[in-house]
Amino acid sequence: MKDTYVCDFHTRTIGSEVTILGWIYTKRHHGKIIFLDVCDSTGTIQAVVEEQRVGQIQFNLVTRYEFVRDVHRMGCVPHAAFGMGVERMIRWLLNIPHVRDAIPFPRMFRRKILP
């Protein structure tokens, strides 16, 4: 298997197995066939995945990582809107009364910066 950029595809790659370097921009699922628009810095190409050619396990892997496409398109990983943060974790572990006392580099106004 050769790692291939979109600009490197020619008619001689038809029928051969290649690994495309890029990300999935668009995915359309039509039963037992999936159309993938794969992008990289050189262009876009459409890949077709057929269940009968790749097998059930490989076909399910294509549908498993939907969130990766969303990360590239929307810029956010799937989460439950919960981010504790280092300061809050330190506050909780050390039983500090307020989170501002756990900040490692606090902003202090009117301070003298020593050389």
Protein backbone atom coordinates (compact mmCIF):
# COMPACT_ATOMS: atom_id res chain seq x y z
CA MET A 1 0.00 0.00 0.00
CA LYS A 2 1.29 3.43 -0.93
CA ASP A 3 0.30 6.67 0.78
CA THR A 4 -1.15 8.88 -1.94
CA TYR A 5 -2.15 12.52 -2.17
CA VAL A 6 -5.19 13.47 -4.25
CA CYS A 7 -3.01 15.18 -6.87
CA ASP A 8 -1.08 11.92 -7.37
CA PHE A 9 -4.08 9.91 -8.66
CA HIS A 10 -3.87 8.89 -12.28
CA THR A 11 -5.49 6.24 -14.42
CA ARG A 12 -2.80 3.74 -13.39
CA THR A 13 -4.15 3.68 -9.80
CA ILE A 14 -7.51 2.24 -10.91
CA GLY A 15 -7.91 -1.24 -9.48
CA SER A 16 -4.95 -0.95 -7.14
CA GLU A 17 -5.08 -0.52 -3.38
CA VAL A 18 -3.98 2.89 -2.08
CA THR A 19 -4.10 4.79 1.21
CA ILE A 20 -5.39 8.32 0.79
CA LEU A 21 -3.80 10.99 2.98
CA GLY A 22 -6.57 13.41 4.00
CA TRP A 23 -9.82 13.76 5.87
CA ILE A 24 -13.43 12.89 5.11
CA TYR A 25 -15.26 16.05 4.09
CA THR A 26 -18.62 14.57 3.11
CA LYS A 27 -20.10 11.12 3.61
CA ARG A 28 -23.25 9.77 1.97
CA HIS A 29 -24.54 6.39 3.11
CA HIS A 30 -26.88 4.52 0.74
CA GLY A 31 -27.50 1.09 2.24
CA LYS A 32 -24.61 -1.17 1.28
CA ILE A 33 -22.56 1.52 -0.45
CA ILE A 34 -20.89 4.63 1.03
CA PHE A 35 -19.59 7.63 -0.92
CA LEU A 36 -16.75 9.52 0.76
CA ASP A 37 -15.42 12.89 -0.39
CA VAL A 38 -11.82 12.86 0.82
CA CYS A 39 -9.92 16.17 0.95
CA ASP A 40 -6.28 17.05 1.44
CA SER A 41 -4.19 20.12 0.72
CA THR A 42 -4.00 19.26 -2.98
CA GLY A 43 -7.67 18.65 -3.83
CA THR A 44 -10.76 16.47 -3.36
CA ILE A 45 -11.55 12.94 -4.53
CA GLN A 46 -14.58 10.71 -4.14
CA ALA A 47 -14.02 7.22 -2.75
CA VAL A 48 -16.67 4.50 -2.99
CA VAL A 49 -16.89 1.80 -0.29
CA GLU A 50 -18.98 -1.26 -1.13
CA GLU A 51 -19.89 -3.70 1.63
CA GLN A 52 -19.49 -6.80 -0.56
CA ARG A 53 -15.94 -5.78 -1.58
CA VAL A 54 -14.53 -4.80 1.82
CA GLY A 55 -16.52 -7.09 4.13
CA GLN A 56 -18.93 -6.35 6.98
CA ILE A 57 -16.28 -5.49 9.61
CA GLN A 58 -14.43 -2.95 7.45
CA PHE A 59 -17.72 -1.48 6.25
CA ASN A 60 -18.86 -0.90 9.85
CA LEU A 61 -15.54 0.82 10.65
CA VAL A 62 -16.35 3.47 8.03
CA THR A 63 -19.64 4.27 9.76
CA ARG A 64 -18.20 4.13 13.29
CA TYR A 65 -16.16 7.35 13.23
CA GLU A 66 -18.83 9.88 12.28
CA PHE A 67 -17.54 12.35 14.89
CA VAL A 68 -14.16 12.70 13.15
CA ARG A 69 -15.87 14.21 10.11
CA ASP A 70 -17.83 16.54 12.39
CA VAL A 71 -14.63 17.68 14.12
CA HIS A 72 -13.11 18.76 10.82
CA ARG A 73 -16.32 20.37 9.64
CA MET A 74 -17.48 22.09 12.85
CA GLY A 75 -14.30 22.29 14.91
CA CYS A 76 -15.56 20.68 18.11
CA VAL A 77 -15.22 17.20 19.55
CA PRO A 78 -18.33 15.48 20.93
CA HIS A 79 -18.65 16.12 24.64
CA ALA A 80 -21.22 16.45 27.39
CA ALA A 81 -20.45 20.15 28.00
CA PHE A 82 -18.37 19.35 31.09
CA GLY A 83 -14.87 20.68 31.56
CA MET A 84 -13.57 20.78 35.10
CA GLY A 85 -10.24 22.47 34.46
CA VAL A 86 -6.98 22.24 36.36
CA GLU A 87 -7.82 24.98 38.86
CA ARG A 88 -11.13 23.41 39.87
CA MET A 89 -9.52 19.97 40.16
CA ILE A 90 -6.78 21.36 42.45
CA ARG A 91 -9.43 23.20 44.47
CA TRP A 92 -11.43 20.00 44.89
CA LEU A 93 -8.40 17.81 45.75
CA LEU A 94 -6.88 20.25 48.28
CA ASN A 95 -10.23 21.44 49.67
CA ILE A 96 -9.43 25.11 48.95
CA PRO A 97 -12.40 27.39 49.71
CA HIS A 98 -12.33 29.42 46.46
CA VAL A 99 -11.08 28.59 42.96
CA ARG A 100 -9.16 31.88 42.66
CA ASP A 101 -6.77 30.62 45.35
CA ALA A 102 -5.87 27.58 43.19
CA ILE A 103 -4.85 29.49 40.04
CA PRO A 104 -1.16 28.77 39.37
CA PHE A 105 -0.45 32.11 37.62
CA PRO A 106 -2.98 34.67 38.87
CA ARG A 107 -3.39 38.11 37.29
CA MET A 108 -2.55 40.73 39.88
CA PHE A 109 -3.04 44.40 39.09
CA ARG A 110 -0.61 47.08 40.33
CA ARG A 111 2.16 44.53 40.87
CA LYS A 112 5.81 45.28 40.36
CA ILE A 113 7.51 43.08 37.81
CA LEU A 114 11.04 42.38 38.96
CA PRO A 115 13.79 41.89 36.36
